[in-house]
Amino acid sequence: MLKHYLGSEPIDRYIQIKRREVLGYKRHISVWEYMHYLDA
């Protein structure tokens, strides 16, 4: 189990997924703030 996660590919994939999640989260927040700004 530990060896599997110590491999370079799983870590790269994990970082890529996390980066995509963070980018999507930031985009979602920015869109929400933009809509909120339009409502105000």
PDB file of N, CA and C in Angstrom:
ATOM      1  N   MET A   1       0.841  -1.199   0.000  1.00  0.00           N
ATOM      2  CA  MET A   1       0.000   0.000   0.000  1.00  0.00           C
ATOM      3  C   MET A   1       0.880   1.255   0.000  1.00  0.00           C
ATOM      4  N   LEU A   2       1.858   1.292   0.884  1.00  0.00           N
ATOM      5  CA  LEU A   2       2.724   2.472   0.965  1.00  0.00           C
ATOM      6  C   LEU A   2       3.573   2.597  -0.290  1.00  0.00           C
ATOM      7  N   LYS A   3       4.070   1.442  -0.786  1.00  0.00           N
ATOM      8  CA  LYS A   3       4.906   1.478  -1.995  1.00  0.00           C
ATOM      9  C   LYS A   3       4.107   2.036  -3.169  1.00  0.00           C
ATOM     10  N   HIS A   4       2.835   1.679  -3.232  1.00  0.00           N
ATOM     11  CA  HIS A   4       1.998   2.154  -4.342  1.00  0.00           C
ATOM     12  C   HIS A   4       1.924   3.683  -4.335  1.00  0.00           C
ATOM     13  N   TYR A   5       1.782   4.278  -3.159  1.00  0.00           N
ATOM     14  CA  TYR A   5       1.655   5.731  -3.070  1.00  0.00           C
ATOM     15  C   TYR A   5       3.001   6.436  -3.168  1.00  0.00           C
ATOM     16  N   LEU A   6       4.098   5.677  -2.964  1.00  0.00           N
ATOM     17  CA  LEU A   6       5.415   6.290  -3.070  1.00  0.00           C
ATOM     18  C   LEU A   6       5.880   6.341  -4.516  1.00  0.00           C
ATOM     19  N   GLY A   7       5.157   5.637  -5.417  1.00  0.00           N
ATOM     20  CA  GLY A   7       5.529   5.680  -6.830  1.00  0.00           C
ATOM     21  C   GLY A   7       5.320   7.085  -7.375  1.00  0.00           C
ATOM     22  N   SER A   8       6.078   7.435  -8.402  1.00  0.00           N
ATOM     23  CA  SER A   8       5.993   8.801  -8.938  1.00  0.00           C
ATOM     24  C   SER A   8       4.655   9.034  -9.645  1.00  0.00           C
ATOM     25  N   GLU A   9       4.148   8.022 -10.338  1.00  0.00           N
ATOM     26  CA  GLU A   9       2.916   8.222 -11.112  1.00  0.00           C
ATOM     27  C   GLU A   9       1.710   8.514 -10.222  1.00  0.00           C
ATOM     28  N   PRO A  10       1.461   7.717  -9.157  1.00  0.00           N
ATOM     29  CA  PRO A  10       0.303   8.004  -8.301  1.00  0.00           C
ATOM     30  C   PRO A  10       0.406   9.389  -7.661  1.00  0.00           C
ATOM     31  N   ILE A  11       1.605   9.799  -7.256  1.00  0.00           N
ATOM     32  CA  ILE A  11       1.772  11.110  -6.619  1.00  0.00           C
ATOM     33  C   ILE A  11       1.504  12.214  -7.642  1.00  0.00           C
ATOM     34  N   ASP A  12       2.024  12.045  -8.854  1.00  0.00           N
ATOM     35  CA  ASP A  12       1.784  13.049  -9.897  1.00  0.00           C
ATOM     36  C   ASP A  12       0.296  13.146 -10.205  1.00  0.00           C
ATOM     37  N   ARG A  13      -0.354  11.985 -10.261  1.00  0.00           N
ATOM     38  CA  ARG A  13      -1.786  11.984 -10.561  1.00  0.00           C
ATOM     39  C   ARG A  13      -2.552  12.641  -9.420  1.00  0.00           C
ATOM     40  N   TYR A  14      -2.119  12.361  -8.173  1.00  0.00           N
ATOM     41  CA  TYR A  14      -2.779  12.944  -7.000  1.00  0.00           C
ATOM     42  C   TYR A  14      -2.633  14.463  -7.017  1.00  0.00           C
ATOM     43  N   ILE A  15      -1.421  14.940  -7.324  1.00  0.00           N
ATOM     44  CA  ILE A  15      -1.175  16.385  -7.376  1.00  0.00           C
ATOM     45  C   ILE A  15      -1.992  17.011  -8.499  1.00  0.00           C
ATOM     46  N   GLN A  16      -2.071  16.321  -9.631  1.00  0.00           N
ATOM     47  CA  GLN A  16      -2.829  16.845 -10.769  1.00  0.00           C
ATOM     48  C   GLN A  16      -4.310  16.957 -10.413  1.00  0.00           C
ATOM     49  N   ILE A  17      -4.837  15.912  -9.745  1.00  0.00           N
ATOM     50  CA  ILE A  17      -6.247  15.929  -9.345  1.00  0.00           C
ATOM     51  C   ILE A  17      -6.492  17.042  -8.338  1.00  0.00           C
ATOM     52  N   LYS A  18      -5.587  17.168  -7.356  1.00  0.00           N
ATOM     53  CA  LYS A  18      -5.756  18.208  -6.337  1.00  0.00           C
ATOM     54  C   LYS A  18      -5.671  19.594  -6.964  1.00  0.00           C
ATOM     55  N   ARG A  19      -4.748  19.760  -7.907  1.00  0.00           N
ATOM     56  CA  ARG A  19      -4.604  21.061  -8.566  1.00  0.00           C
ATOM     57  C   ARG A  19      -5.876  21.393  -9.336  1.00  0.00           C
ATOM     58  N   ARG A  20      -6.442  20.380  -9.991  1.00  0.00           N
ATOM     59  CA  ARG A  20      -7.671  20.601 -10.756  1.00  0.00           C
ATOM     60  C   ARG A  20      -8.812  20.954  -9.805  1.00  0.00           C
ATOM     61  N   GLU A  21      -8.848  20.290  -8.623  1.00  0.00           N
ATOM     62  CA  GLU A  21      -9.894  20.586  -7.645  1.00  0.00           C
ATOM     63  C   GLU A  21      -9.767  22.019  -7.150  1.00  0.00           C
ATOM     64  N   VAL A  22      -8.530  22.442  -6.879  1.00  0.00           N
ATOM     65  CA  VAL A  22      -8.305  23.802  -6.370  1.00  0.00           C
ATOM     66  C   VAL A  22      -8.672  24.835  -7.431  1.00  0.00           C
ATOM     67  N   LEU A  23      -8.301  24.566  -8.685  1.00  0.00           N
ATOM     68  CA  LEU A  23      -8.630  25.504  -9.762  1.00  0.00           C
ATOM     69  C   LEU A  23     -10.141  25.590  -9.940  1.00  0.00           C
ATOM     70  N   GLY A  24     -10.814  24.449  -9.881  1.00  0.00           N
ATOM     71  CA  GLY A  24     -12.265  24.447 -10.007  1.00  0.00           C
ATOM     72  C   GLY A  24     -12.907  25.177  -8.836  1.00  0.00           C
ATOM     73  N   TYR A  25     -12.322  25.005  -7.634  1.00  0.00           N
ATOM     74  CA  TYR A  25     -12.857  25.666  -6.444  1.00  0.00           C
ATOM     75  C   TYR A  25     -12.702  27.176  -6.572  1.00  0.00           C
ATOM     76  N   LYS A  26     -11.518  27.607  -7.011  1.00  0.00           N
ATOM     77  CA  LYS A  26     -11.283  29.047  -7.169  1.00  0.00           C
ATOM     78  C   LYS A  26     -12.209  29.624  -8.236  1.00  0.00           C
ATOM     79  N   ARG A  27     -12.385  28.882  -9.324  1.00  0.00           N
ATOM     80  CA  ARG A  27     -13.252  29.359 -10.405  1.00  0.00           C
ATOM     81  C   ARG A  27     -14.692  29.454  -9.901  1.00  0.00           C
ATOM     82  N   HIS A  28     -15.111  28.464  -9.116  1.00  0.00           N
ATOM     83  CA  HIS A  28     -16.468  28.446  -8.578  1.00  0.00           C
ATOM     84  C   HIS A  28     -16.676  29.641  -7.645  1.00  0.00           C
ATOM     85  N   ILE A  29     -15.692  29.913  -6.797  1.00  0.00           N
ATOM     86  CA  ILE A  29     -15.804  31.028  -5.851  1.00  0.00           C
ATOM     87  C   ILE A  29     -15.837  32.350  -6.612  1.00  0.00           C
ATOM     88  N   SER A  30     -14.969  32.486  -7.624  1.00  0.00           N
ATOM     89  CA  SER A  30     -14.920  33.747  -8.371  1.00  0.00           C
ATOM     90  C   SER A  30     -16.248  33.977  -9.106  1.00  0.00           C
ATOM     91  N   VAL A  31     -16.822  32.918  -9.662  1.00  0.00           N
ATOM     92  CA  VAL A  31     -18.109  33.045 -10.351  1.00  0.00           C
ATOM     93  C   VAL A  31     -19.193  33.416  -9.341  1.00  0.00           C
ATOM     94  N   TRP A  32     -19.149  32.794  -8.159  1.00  0.00           N
ATOM     95  CA  TRP A  32     -20.142  33.094  -7.125  1.00  0.00           C
ATOM     96  C   TRP A  32     -20.013  34.552  -6.693  1.00  0.00           C
ATOM     97  N   GLU A  33     -18.780  35.021  -6.500  1.00  0.00           N
ATOM     98  CA  GLU A  33     -18.568  36.413  -6.092  1.00  0.00           C
ATOM     99  C   GLU A  33     -19.057  37.363  -7.187  1.00  0.00           C
ATOM    100  N   TYR A  34     -18.855  36.990  -8.447  1.00  0.00           N
ATOM    101  CA  TYR A  34     -19.293  37.823  -9.567  1.00  0.00           C
ATOM    102  C   TYR A  34     -20.823  37.925  -9.592  1.00  0.00           C
ATOM    103  N   MET A  35     -21.503  36.790  -9.391  1.00  0.00           N
ATOM    104  CA  MET A  35     -22.965  36.791  -9.370  1.00  0.00           C
ATOM    105  C   MET A  35     -23.454  37.602  -8.172  1.00  0.00           C
ATOM    106  N   HIS A  36     -22.774  37.441  -7.032  1.00  0.00           N
ATOM    107  CA  HIS A  36     -23.150  38.173  -5.827  1.00  0.00           C
ATOM    108  C   HIS A  36     -22.975  39.678  -6.058  1.00  0.00           C
ATOM    109  N   TYR A  37     -21.913  40.024  -6.784  1.00  0.00           N
ATOM    110  CA  TYR A  37     -21.644  41.438  -7.082  1.00  0.00           C
ATOM    111  C   TYR A  37     -22.743  42.001  -7.994  1.00  0.00           C
ATOM    112  N   LEU A  38     -23.215  41.176  -8.919  1.00  0.00           N
ATOM    113  CA  LEU A  38     -24.278  41.633  -9.821  1.00  0.00           C
ATOM    114  C   LEU A  38     -25.582  41.810  -9.046  1.00  0.00           C
ATOM    115  N   ASP A  39     -25.828  40.937  -8.059  1.00  0.00           N
ATOM    116  CA  ASP A  39     -27.060  41.021  -7.275  1.00  0.00           C
ATOM    117  C   ASP A  39     -27.044  42.243  -6.369  1.00  0.00           C
ATOM    118  N   ALA A  40     -25.868  42.634  -5.885  1.00  0.00           N
ATOM    119  CA  ALA A  40     -25.778  43.723  -4.910  1.00  0.00           C
ATOM    120  C   ALA A  40     -26.039  45.088  -5.550  1.00  0.00           C
TER     121      ALA A  40
END
